[in-house]
Amino acid sequence: MKKIVLVAVFAALAACSQPETAEEADAPAEAVEAAPANIAADGGPSVGMYKVTAADGSVTMEDVRADGTYVSTAADGKESTGKWEQKSPELYCVTSDEEGATQTCYEEKVDENGVYTSKDPNTGEVSTVERVKA
């Protein structure tokens, strides 16, 4: 009788430690924290086309691509290319493809009026950013 009770206790303990659903059974023993998605200051994905208007009124179109590269096209058609990194929604960084270029990180935010801005760390110039819908 003692053996039966002991077996029943072990069976009950084993049943308590089993996952309740098939999803739990398939889940890893320890959850791995997922890497955050690339989210821009406006809450949308970083990847996309943007119209950037500088303080002097000049406009640049910036194509931020999923492969980690960008193409920036000035109003006169001149293009510059490089790599981008969204370190946080408030910090967008680029490294030009020009030889010797270093990474520059722009402070970005959406103000209380809903205006998306980007501040150049070198000049302090604030540009207005608009997401261009395809």
N, C-alpha and C. Protein backbone atom coordinates (compact mmCIF):
# COMPACT_ATOMS: atom_id res chain seq x y z
N MET A 1 0.80 -1.18 0.00
CA MET A 1 0.00 0.00 0.00
C MET A 1 0.86 1.26 0.00
N LYS A 2 1.96 1.27 0.75
CA LYS A 2 2.85 2.43 0.81
C LYS A 2 3.41 2.74 -0.57
N LYS A 3 3.73 1.68 -1.33
CA LYS A 3 4.28 1.87 -2.68
C LYS A 3 3.24 2.53 -3.60
N ILE A 4 1.99 2.13 -3.45
CA ILE A 4 0.93 2.69 -4.29
C ILE A 4 0.75 4.17 -3.98
N VAL A 5 0.76 4.53 -2.70
CA VAL A 5 0.60 5.92 -2.31
C VAL A 5 1.78 6.74 -2.81
N LEU A 6 3.00 6.19 -2.67
CA LEU A 6 4.19 6.87 -3.13
C LEU A 6 4.15 7.10 -4.64
N VAL A 7 3.74 6.10 -5.39
CA VAL A 7 3.62 6.22 -6.85
C VAL A 7 2.56 7.27 -7.19
N ALA A 8 1.46 7.28 -6.46
CA ALA A 8 0.39 8.25 -6.72
C ALA A 8 0.88 9.67 -6.44
N VAL A 9 1.67 9.85 -5.38
CA VAL A 9 2.22 11.17 -5.07
C VAL A 9 3.15 11.64 -6.19
N PHE A 10 4.05 10.77 -6.64
CA PHE A 10 4.95 11.13 -7.73
C PHE A 10 4.19 11.42 -9.02
N ALA A 11 3.16 10.66 -9.29
CA ALA A 11 2.34 10.89 -10.48
C ALA A 11 1.64 12.24 -10.40
N ALA A 12 1.14 12.58 -9.21
CA ALA A 12 0.48 13.87 -9.03
C ALA A 12 1.46 15.02 -9.20
N LEU A 13 2.66 14.89 -8.64
CA LEU A 13 3.68 15.92 -8.80
C LEU A 13 4.09 16.06 -10.26
N ALA A 14 4.24 14.95 -10.94
CA ALA A 14 4.62 15.00 -12.35
C ALA A 14 3.53 15.67 -13.17
N ALA A 15 2.27 15.40 -12.85
CA ALA A 15 1.16 16.02 -13.57
C ALA A 15 1.13 17.53 -13.34
N CYS A 16 1.46 17.97 -12.15
CA CYS A 16 1.46 19.40 -11.83
C CYS A 16 2.54 20.16 -12.58
N SER A 17 3.64 19.50 -12.89
CA SER A 17 4.74 20.19 -13.56
C SER A 17 4.65 20.14 -15.07
N GLN A 18 3.64 19.51 -15.61
CA GLN A 18 3.46 19.42 -17.05
C GLN A 18 2.84 20.69 -17.58
N PRO A 19 3.22 21.15 -18.79
CA PRO A 19 2.59 22.33 -19.39
C PRO A 19 1.11 22.10 -19.58
N GLU A 20 0.32 23.15 -19.44
CA GLU A 20 -1.12 23.04 -19.56
C GLU A 20 -1.58 23.04 -21.02
N THR A 21 -0.82 23.66 -21.92
CA THR A 21 -1.24 23.73 -23.31
C THR A 21 -0.13 23.26 -24.22
N ALA A 22 -0.48 23.02 -25.47
CA ALA A 22 0.51 22.60 -26.45
C ALA A 22 1.54 23.70 -26.68
N GLU A 23 1.08 24.98 -26.63
CA GLU A 23 2.00 26.10 -26.81
C GLU A 23 3.05 26.13 -25.72
N GLU A 24 2.62 25.89 -24.48
CA GLU A 24 3.58 25.87 -23.38
C GLU A 24 4.57 24.72 -23.54
N ALA A 25 4.11 23.59 -24.08
CA ALA A 25 4.99 22.44 -24.28
C ALA A 25 6.06 22.76 -25.31
N ASP A 26 5.71 23.56 -26.32
CA ASP A 26 6.65 23.90 -27.37
C ASP A 26 7.57 25.07 -26.99
N ALA A 27 7.24 25.81 -25.95
CA ALA A 27 8.02 26.98 -25.55
C ALA A 27 9.34 26.54 -24.94
N PRO A 28 10.43 27.31 -25.17
CA PRO A 28 11.71 26.97 -24.56
C PRO A 28 11.62 27.09 -23.04
N ALA A 29 12.49 26.36 -22.35
CA ALA A 29 12.48 26.36 -20.90
C ALA A 29 12.61 27.78 -20.34
N GLU A 30 13.49 28.59 -20.91
CA GLU A 30 13.65 29.97 -20.50
C GLU A 30 13.34 30.87 -21.69
N ALA A 31 12.50 31.82 -21.48
CA ALA A 31 12.14 32.74 -22.57
C ALA A 31 13.35 33.60 -22.92
N VAL A 32 13.57 33.76 -24.22
CA VAL A 32 14.64 34.61 -24.70
C VAL A 32 14.04 35.94 -25.08
N GLU A 33 14.61 37.03 -24.60
CA GLU A 33 14.07 38.36 -24.89
C GLU A 33 14.26 38.65 -26.38
N ALA A 34 13.16 39.01 -27.02
CA ALA A 34 13.21 39.32 -28.45
C ALA A 34 13.87 40.68 -28.66
N ALA A 35 14.61 40.79 -29.74
CA ALA A 35 15.23 42.07 -30.08
C ALA A 35 14.14 43.05 -30.48
N PRO A 36 14.24 44.29 -30.03
CA PRO A 36 13.20 45.26 -30.39
C PRO A 36 13.21 45.53 -31.89
N ALA A 37 12.03 45.75 -32.41
CA ALA A 37 11.92 46.07 -33.82
C ALA A 37 12.43 47.49 -34.05
N ASN A 38 12.80 47.79 -35.28
CA ASN A 38 13.25 49.14 -35.61
C ASN A 38 12.02 50.03 -35.71
N ILE A 39 11.84 50.88 -34.69
CA ILE A 39 10.69 51.77 -34.61
C ILE A 39 11.19 53.21 -34.66
N ALA A 40 10.63 53.98 -35.57
CA ALA A 40 10.98 55.40 -35.70
C ALA A 40 10.26 56.23 -34.64
N ALA A 41 10.61 57.48 -34.54
CA ALA A 41 10.03 58.39 -33.55
C ALA A 41 8.51 58.51 -33.69
N ASP A 42 7.98 58.34 -34.89
CA ASP A 42 6.54 58.47 -35.09
C ASP A 42 5.78 57.18 -34.78
N GLY A 43 6.50 56.16 -34.30
CA GLY A 43 5.88 54.90 -33.93
C GLY A 43 5.77 53.89 -35.05
N GLY A 44 6.08 54.31 -36.27
CA GLY A 44 6.05 53.39 -37.41
C GLY A 44 7.40 52.72 -37.59
N PRO A 45 7.48 51.79 -38.54
CA PRO A 45 8.76 51.14 -38.80
C PRO A 45 9.78 52.14 -39.35
N SER A 46 11.04 51.91 -39.02
CA SER A 46 12.10 52.79 -39.51
C SER A 46 12.21 52.75 -41.03
N VAL A 47 11.99 51.58 -41.59
CA VAL A 47 12.11 51.41 -43.04
C VAL A 47 11.00 52.19 -43.72
N GLY A 48 11.36 52.91 -44.77
CA GLY A 48 10.37 53.66 -45.53
C GLY A 48 10.98 54.85 -46.24
N MET A 49 10.13 55.64 -46.85
CA MET A 49 10.55 56.85 -47.57
C MET A 49 10.16 58.05 -46.72
N TYR A 50 11.10 59.00 -46.60
CA TYR A 50 10.89 60.19 -45.80
C TYR A 50 11.22 61.44 -46.59
N LYS A 51 10.45 62.50 -46.35
CA LYS A 51 10.74 63.83 -46.88
C LYS A 51 11.30 64.63 -45.70
N VAL A 52 12.54 65.08 -45.83
CA VAL A 52 13.21 65.82 -44.77
C VAL A 52 13.39 67.26 -45.23
N THR A 53 12.78 68.18 -44.50
CA THR A 53 12.87 69.61 -44.83
C THR A 53 13.76 70.29 -43.80
N ALA A 54 14.89 70.81 -44.27
CA ALA A 54 15.85 71.49 -43.40
C ALA A 54 15.31 72.85 -43.00
N ALA A 55 15.95 73.46 -42.01
CA ALA A 55 15.54 74.78 -41.51
C ALA A 55 15.56 75.83 -42.62
N ASP A 56 16.45 75.68 -43.61
CA ASP A 56 16.53 76.65 -44.71
C ASP A 56 15.52 76.37 -45.82
N GLY A 57 14.70 75.33 -45.65
CA GLY A 57 13.67 75.02 -46.63
C GLY A 57 14.08 73.99 -47.67
N SER A 58 15.35 73.63 -47.71
CA SER A 58 15.78 72.62 -48.69
C SER A 58 15.20 71.26 -48.32
N VAL A 59 14.86 70.49 -49.36
CA VAL A 59 14.19 69.21 -49.17
C VAL A 59 15.08 68.07 -49.66
N THR A 60 15.12 67.03 -48.86
CA THR A 60 15.85 65.81 -49.22
C THR A 60 14.89 64.64 -49.05
N MET A 61 14.91 63.71 -49.99
CA MET A 61 14.13 62.49 -49.86
C MET A 61 15.07 61.39 -49.38
N GLU A 62 14.66 60.70 -48.32
CA GLU A 62 15.52 59.66 -47.76
C GLU A 62 14.79 58.32 -47.82
N ASP A 63 15.40 57.38 -48.54
CA ASP A 63 14.88 56.02 -48.68
C ASP A 63 15.63 55.13 -47.69
N VAL A 64 14.97 54.78 -46.59
CA VAL A 64 15.57 53.94 -45.55
C VAL A 64 15.15 52.51 -45.85
N ARG A 65 16.12 51.67 -46.18
CA ARG A 65 15.83 50.33 -46.70
C ARG A 65 16.00 49.24 -45.64
N ALA A 66 15.27 48.15 -45.84
CA ALA A 66 15.27 47.03 -44.90
C ALA A 66 16.63 46.34 -44.79
N ASP A 67 17.48 46.50 -45.79
CA ASP A 67 18.79 45.85 -45.75
C ASP A 67 19.82 46.64 -44.94
N GLY A 68 19.38 47.73 -44.28
CA GLY A 68 20.29 48.53 -43.46
C GLY A 68 21.01 49.62 -44.21
N THR A 69 20.61 49.88 -45.44
CA THR A 69 21.22 50.95 -46.23
C THR A 69 20.19 52.06 -46.46
N TYR A 70 20.70 53.22 -46.86
CA TYR A 70 19.81 54.33 -47.20
C TYR A 70 20.34 55.02 -48.45
N VAL A 71 19.43 55.69 -49.14
CA VAL A 71 19.78 56.56 -50.26
C VAL A 71 19.10 57.89 -49.99
N SER A 72 19.89 58.94 -49.93
CA SER A 72 19.38 60.29 -49.68
C SER A 72 19.51 61.07 -50.97
N THR A 73 18.41 61.64 -51.45
CA THR A 73 18.40 62.36 -52.71
C THR A 73 18.02 63.82 -52.48
N ALA A 74 18.93 64.72 -52.80
CA ALA A 74 18.70 66.16 -52.65
C ALA A 74 17.80 66.64 -53.79
N ALA A 75 17.26 67.84 -53.65
CA ALA A 75 16.37 68.42 -54.66
C ALA A 75 17.03 68.51 -56.03
N ASP A 76 18.37 68.69 -56.04
CA ASP A 76 19.08 68.79 -57.32
C ASP A 76 19.40 67.43 -57.92
N GLY A 77 18.96 66.35 -57.26
CA GLY A 77 19.18 65.00 -57.77
C GLY A 77 20.43 64.32 -57.26
N LYS A 78 21.28 65.06 -56.54
CA LYS A 78 22.50 64.47 -56.00
C LYS A 78 22.16 63.44 -54.93
N GLU A 79 22.76 62.24 -55.06
CA GLU A 79 22.48 61.16 -54.12
C GLU A 79 23.67 60.91 -53.21
N SER A 80 23.36 60.53 -51.98
CA SER A 80 24.38 60.03 -51.07
C SER A 80 23.83 58.74 -50.47
N THR A 81 24.73 57.83 -50.16
CA THR A 81 24.33 56.52 -49.66
C THR A 81 25.09 56.18 -48.38
N GLY A 82 24.61 55.19 -47.71
CA GLY A 82 25.28 54.74 -46.50
C GLY A 82 24.47 53.69 -45.78
N LYS A 83 24.81 53.50 -44.52
CA LYS A 83 24.13 52.52 -43.67
C LYS A 83 23.42 53.27 -42.55
N TRP A 84 22.31 52.71 -42.07
CA TRP A 84 21.55 53.32 -40.99
C TRP A 84 21.36 52.33 -39.85
N GLU A 85 21.08 52.88 -38.67
CA GLU A 85 20.80 52.09 -37.48
C GLU A 85 19.85 52.89 -36.60
N GLN A 86 18.75 52.26 -36.19
CA GLN A 86 17.80 52.90 -35.29
C GLN A 86 18.10 52.37 -33.89
N LYS A 87 18.86 53.14 -33.11
CA LYS A 87 19.27 52.67 -31.79
C LYS A 87 18.12 52.71 -30.80
N SER A 88 17.19 53.62 -31.01
CA SER A 88 15.95 53.72 -30.23
C SER A 88 15.03 54.60 -31.07
N PRO A 89 13.76 54.70 -30.71
CA PRO A 89 12.89 55.59 -31.49
C PRO A 89 13.39 57.05 -31.50
N GLU A 90 14.16 57.41 -30.50
CA GLU A 90 14.65 58.80 -30.40
C GLU A 90 16.05 58.99 -30.97
N LEU A 91 16.68 57.93 -31.46
CA LEU A 91 18.06 58.04 -31.93
C LEU A 91 18.26 57.27 -33.24
N TYR A 92 18.31 58.03 -34.33
CA TYR A 92 18.51 57.47 -35.67
C TYR A 92 19.94 57.80 -36.10
N CYS A 93 20.71 56.76 -36.45
CA CYS A 93 22.13 56.94 -36.77
C CYS A 93 22.43 56.53 -38.21
N VAL A 94 23.32 57.28 -38.84
CA VAL A 94 23.74 56.97 -40.20
C VAL A 94 25.26 57.03 -40.30
N THR A 95 25.77 56.22 -41.22
CA THR A 95 27.18 56.26 -41.57
C THR A 95 27.26 56.32 -43.08
N SER A 96 27.76 57.42 -43.58
CA SER A 96 27.88 57.62 -45.03
C SER A 96 28.84 56.61 -45.62
N ASP A 97 28.64 56.31 -46.90
CA ASP A 97 29.57 55.43 -47.61
C ASP A 97 30.86 56.14 -48.00
N GLU A 98 30.95 57.45 -47.75
CA GLU A 98 32.17 58.19 -48.09
C GLU A 98 33.33 57.67 -47.25
N GLU A 99 34.50 57.63 -47.85
CA GLU A 99 35.69 57.13 -47.16
C GLU A 99 35.97 57.96 -45.90
N GLY A 100 36.24 57.28 -44.80
CA GLY A 100 36.57 57.93 -43.54
C GLY A 100 35.37 58.44 -42.75
N ALA A 101 34.15 58.17 -43.23
CA ALA A 101 32.95 58.66 -42.54
C ALA A 101 32.77 57.95 -41.20
N THR A 102 32.26 58.69 -40.23
CA THR A 102 31.93 58.13 -38.93
C THR A 102 30.42 58.23 -38.72
N GLN A 103 29.92 57.45 -37.80
CA GLN A 103 28.49 57.43 -37.54
C GLN A 103 28.02 58.74 -36.90
N THR A 104 26.90 59.24 -37.39
CA THR A 104 26.26 60.42 -36.83
C THR A 104 24.86 60.01 -36.38
N CYS A 105 24.51 60.39 -35.14
CA CYS A 105 23.21 60.03 -34.59
C CYS A 105 22.36 61.27 -34.38
N TYR A 106 21.17 61.24 -34.95
CA TYR A 106 20.24 62.36 -34.90
C TYR A 106 19.19 62.11 -33.82
N GLU A 107 18.93 63.12 -33.00
CA GLU A 107 17.87 63.05 -31.99
C GLU A 107 16.55 63.30 -32.69
N GLU A 108 15.63 62.36 -32.56
CA GLU A 108 14.34 62.50 -33.23
C GLU A 108 13.20 62.43 -32.23
N LYS A 109 12.15 63.16 -32.54
CA LYS A 109 10.96 63.15 -31.67
C LYS A 109 9.76 63.66 -32.45
N VAL A 110 8.60 63.40 -31.87
CA VAL A 110 7.36 63.99 -32.35
C VAL A 110 6.90 64.91 -31.24
N ASP A 111 6.77 66.20 -31.56
CA ASP A 111 6.44 67.18 -30.51
C ASP A 111 4.95 67.15 -30.17
N GLU A 112 4.55 68.01 -29.24
CA GLU A 112 3.17 68.06 -28.76
C GLU A 112 2.17 68.43 -29.86
N ASN A 113 2.64 68.99 -30.96
CA ASN A 113 1.77 69.34 -32.09
C ASN A 113 1.76 68.26 -33.16
N GLY A 114 2.46 67.14 -32.90
CA GLY A 114 2.49 66.04 -33.86
C GLY A 114 3.52 66.21 -34.95
N VAL A 115 4.44 67.17 -34.79
CA VAL A 115 5.47 67.41 -35.80
C VAL A 115 6.69 66.54 -35.49
N TYR A 116 7.10 65.75 -36.47
CA TYR A 116 8.23 64.85 -36.36
C TYR A 116 9.48 65.65 -36.73
N THR A 117 10.45 65.72 -35.81
CA THR A 117 11.67 66.48 -36.08
C THR A 117 12.91 65.63 -35.85
N SER A 118 14.00 66.09 -36.44
CA SER A 118 15.30 65.43 -36.33
C SER A 118 16.35 66.51 -36.11
N LYS A 119 17.16 66.35 -35.06
CA LYS A 119 18.17 67.36 -34.72
C LYS A 119 19.57 66.85 -35.06
N ASP A 120 20.28 67.64 -35.86
CA ASP A 120 21.66 67.32 -36.25
C ASP A 120 22.59 67.58 -35.05
N PRO A 121 23.34 66.57 -34.60
CA PRO A 121 24.19 66.75 -33.43
C PRO A 121 25.39 67.68 -33.68
N ASN A 122 25.76 67.84 -34.92
CA ASN A 122 26.92 68.66 -35.27
C ASN A 122 26.59 70.15 -35.38
N THR A 123 25.41 70.45 -35.92
CA THR A 123 25.04 71.84 -36.16
C THR A 123 23.92 72.34 -35.25
N GLY A 124 23.18 71.41 -34.65
CA GLY A 124 22.03 71.79 -33.85
C GLY A 124 20.80 72.10 -34.70
N GLU A 125 20.95 72.05 -36.01
CA GLU A 125 19.84 72.33 -36.93
C GLU A 125 18.74 71.29 -36.76
N VAL A 126 17.50 71.78 -36.73
CA VAL A 126 16.35 70.90 -36.60
C VAL A 126 15.61 70.85 -37.94
N SER A 127 15.42 69.63 -38.44
CA SER A 127 14.70 69.42 -39.69
C SER A 127 13.35 68.79 -39.38
N THR A 128 12.38 69.05 -40.26
CA THR A 128 11.07 68.43 -40.15
C THR A 128 11.06 67.17 -41.01
N VAL A 129 10.52 66.10 -40.46
CA VAL A 129 10.50 64.80 -41.15
C VAL A 129 9.06 64.41 -41.42
N GLU A 130 8.79 63.99 -42.65
CA GLU A 130 7.47 63.50 -43.01
C GLU A 130 7.61 62.12 -43.63
N ARG A 131 6.84 61.19 -43.14
CA ARG A 131 6.82 59.86 -43.74
C ARG A 131 6.01 59.94 -45.03
N VAL A 132 6.58 59.45 -46.13
CA VAL A 132 5.91 59.48 -47.42
C VAL A 132 5.23 58.14 -47.63
N LYS A 133 3.92 58.16 -47.79
CA LYS A 133 3.16 56.93 -48.02
C LYS A 133 3.34 56.51 -49.47
N ALA A 134 3.52 55.21 -49.65
CA ALA A 134 3.70 54.69 -51.01
C ALA A 134 2.39 54.50 -51.71
